[in-house]
Amino acid sequence: MPLKYTVPMAQPRDREQRDELDISAMPELRRVAEEVARTGRARVLTEGGRVVAKVVPLRKSPSRKLKPRPATPEQLAAFRSAAGGWKDVDTDRLVADIYSSRDQVGRPHIEL
């Protein structure tokens, strides 16, 4: 089964619709697209010394891994102070109250 590659056009600033170009029947352009995807490096396409397009790799989501920051002593103290904070809550009653409040109408119905 042939792979389908699309070449993303430049990012539109005003969210205009982008045109896609199926390169499955264009072996040279497909090779360039595969190289860009594999290496993560953009390639500039020229014709007669004039730049005509740029092939850029798609960004991975998320674009970077976030490193967890160590918790401060104040954050750890706040976290630990919350332990057992719900021990006196009747969870069965809490669930019943939540479901019954969903049946109550909080605002008058508006006819449109």
Protein backbone atom coordinates (compact mmCIF):
# COMPACT_ATOMS: atom_id res chain seq x y z
CA MET A 1 0.00 0.00 0.00
CA PRO A 2 1.64 3.29 -1.04
CA LEU A 3 2.16 5.90 1.63
CA LYS A 4 0.42 9.22 1.19
CA TYR A 5 2.51 12.26 1.97
CA THR A 6 1.24 15.78 2.00
CA VAL A 7 3.38 18.86 1.84
CA PRO A 8 2.11 21.49 4.28
CA MET A 9 2.13 24.97 2.85
CA ALA A 10 3.42 27.93 4.86
CA GLN A 11 1.46 28.49 8.03
CA PRO A 12 -1.37 30.89 7.14
CA ARG A 13 -1.60 33.86 9.45
CA ASP A 14 -5.33 34.41 9.03
CA ARG A 15 -6.35 30.75 9.14
CA GLU A 16 -7.05 30.59 5.44
CA GLN A 17 -7.45 27.10 4.07
CA ARG A 18 -4.20 25.43 3.03
CA ASP A 19 -3.85 23.50 -0.19
CA GLU A 20 -2.41 20.01 0.04
CA LEU A 21 -0.26 18.34 -2.55
CA ASP A 22 -0.28 14.53 -2.79
CA ILE A 23 3.33 13.54 -3.51
CA SER A 24 2.87 9.78 -3.68
CA ALA A 25 3.41 9.93 -7.47
CA MET A 26 6.38 12.35 -7.20
CA PRO A 27 9.34 10.20 -6.13
CA GLU A 28 11.92 13.00 -5.88
CA LEU A 29 9.68 15.25 -3.79
CA ARG A 30 8.64 12.26 -1.71
CA ARG A 31 12.32 11.49 -1.03
CA VAL A 32 12.88 15.08 0.13
CA ALA A 33 9.80 14.94 2.37
CA GLU A 34 10.94 11.65 3.92
CA GLU A 35 14.41 13.10 4.55
CA VAL A 36 12.95 16.20 6.22
CA ALA A 37 10.69 14.06 8.40
CA ARG A 38 13.56 11.72 9.33
CA THR A 39 16.20 14.35 10.06
CA GLY A 40 13.94 17.10 11.40
CA ARG A 41 15.81 19.64 9.25
CA ALA A 42 14.07 21.93 6.76
CA ARG A 43 15.03 21.97 3.09
CA VAL A 44 14.78 24.99 0.79
CA LEU A 45 13.70 24.29 -2.79
CA THR A 46 15.25 26.48 -5.46
CA GLU A 47 14.83 26.89 -9.18
CA GLY A 48 17.53 28.65 -11.14
CA GLY A 49 19.01 30.11 -7.96
CA ARG A 50 15.63 31.49 -6.84
CA VAL A 51 14.00 30.17 -3.64
CA VAL A 52 10.55 28.83 -4.49
CA ALA A 53 9.51 26.82 -1.42
CA LYS A 54 10.59 25.46 1.92
CA VAL A 55 9.83 21.95 3.18
CA VAL A 56 9.74 21.90 6.97
CA PRO A 57 9.13 19.02 9.39
CA LEU A 58 5.83 18.94 11.21
CA ARG A 59 6.14 19.74 14.89
CA LYS A 60 5.62 16.93 17.29
CA SER A 61 3.07 17.57 19.98
CA PRO A 62 4.10 18.58 22.58
CA SER A 63 7.00 20.40 20.99
CA ARG A 64 9.18 19.90 24.05
CA LYS A 65 9.08 17.81 27.16
CA LEU A 66 8.43 19.76 30.30
CA LYS A 67 10.81 18.94 33.10
CA PRO A 68 9.09 18.62 36.45
CA ARG A 69 10.25 21.21 38.93
CA PRO A 70 11.00 20.00 42.44
CA ALA A 71 8.35 20.98 44.94
CA THR A 72 9.21 23.73 47.38
CA PRO A 73 9.04 23.06 51.12
CA GLU A 74 5.90 25.26 51.28
CA GLN A 75 4.21 23.21 48.54
CA LEU A 76 5.08 19.95 50.29
CA ALA A 77 3.72 21.27 53.58
CA ALA A 78 0.45 22.33 51.91
CA PHE A 79 0.17 18.94 50.22
CA ARG A 80 0.74 17.07 53.47
CA SER A 81 -1.70 19.27 55.40
CA ALA A 82 -4.49 18.20 53.02
CA ALA A 83 -4.06 14.54 53.97
CA GLY A 84 -7.17 13.29 55.77
CA GLY A 85 -9.12 16.44 54.95
CA TRP A 86 -12.07 14.42 53.67
CA LYS A 87 -12.09 11.77 56.42
CA ASP A 88 -15.29 13.11 58.00
CA VAL A 89 -17.19 13.35 54.70
CA ASP A 90 -20.04 10.89 54.19
CA THR A 91 -19.20 9.95 50.60
CA ASP A 92 -22.50 8.14 49.99
CA ARG A 93 -24.39 11.26 51.06
CA LEU A 94 -22.08 13.45 48.93
CA VAL A 95 -22.79 11.36 45.81
CA ALA A 96 -26.53 11.44 46.51
CA ASP A 97 -26.42 15.24 46.94
CA ILE A 98 -24.53 15.67 43.67
CA TYR A 99 -27.05 13.59 41.72
CA SER A 100 -30.05 15.31 43.33
CA SER A 101 -28.63 18.77 42.59
CA ARG A 102 -28.44 17.84 38.91
CA ASP A 103 -32.22 17.41 38.90
CA GLN A 104 -32.85 20.84 40.42
CA VAL A 105 -33.41 23.78 38.15
CA GLY A 106 -31.19 26.66 39.20
CA ARG A 107 -32.45 29.21 36.70
CA PRO A 108 -35.79 29.84 35.09
CA HIS A 109 -36.29 28.39 31.63
CA ILE A 110 -35.90 30.95 28.84
CA GLU A 111 -38.12 30.73 25.77
CA LEU A 112 -36.36 31.69 22.57
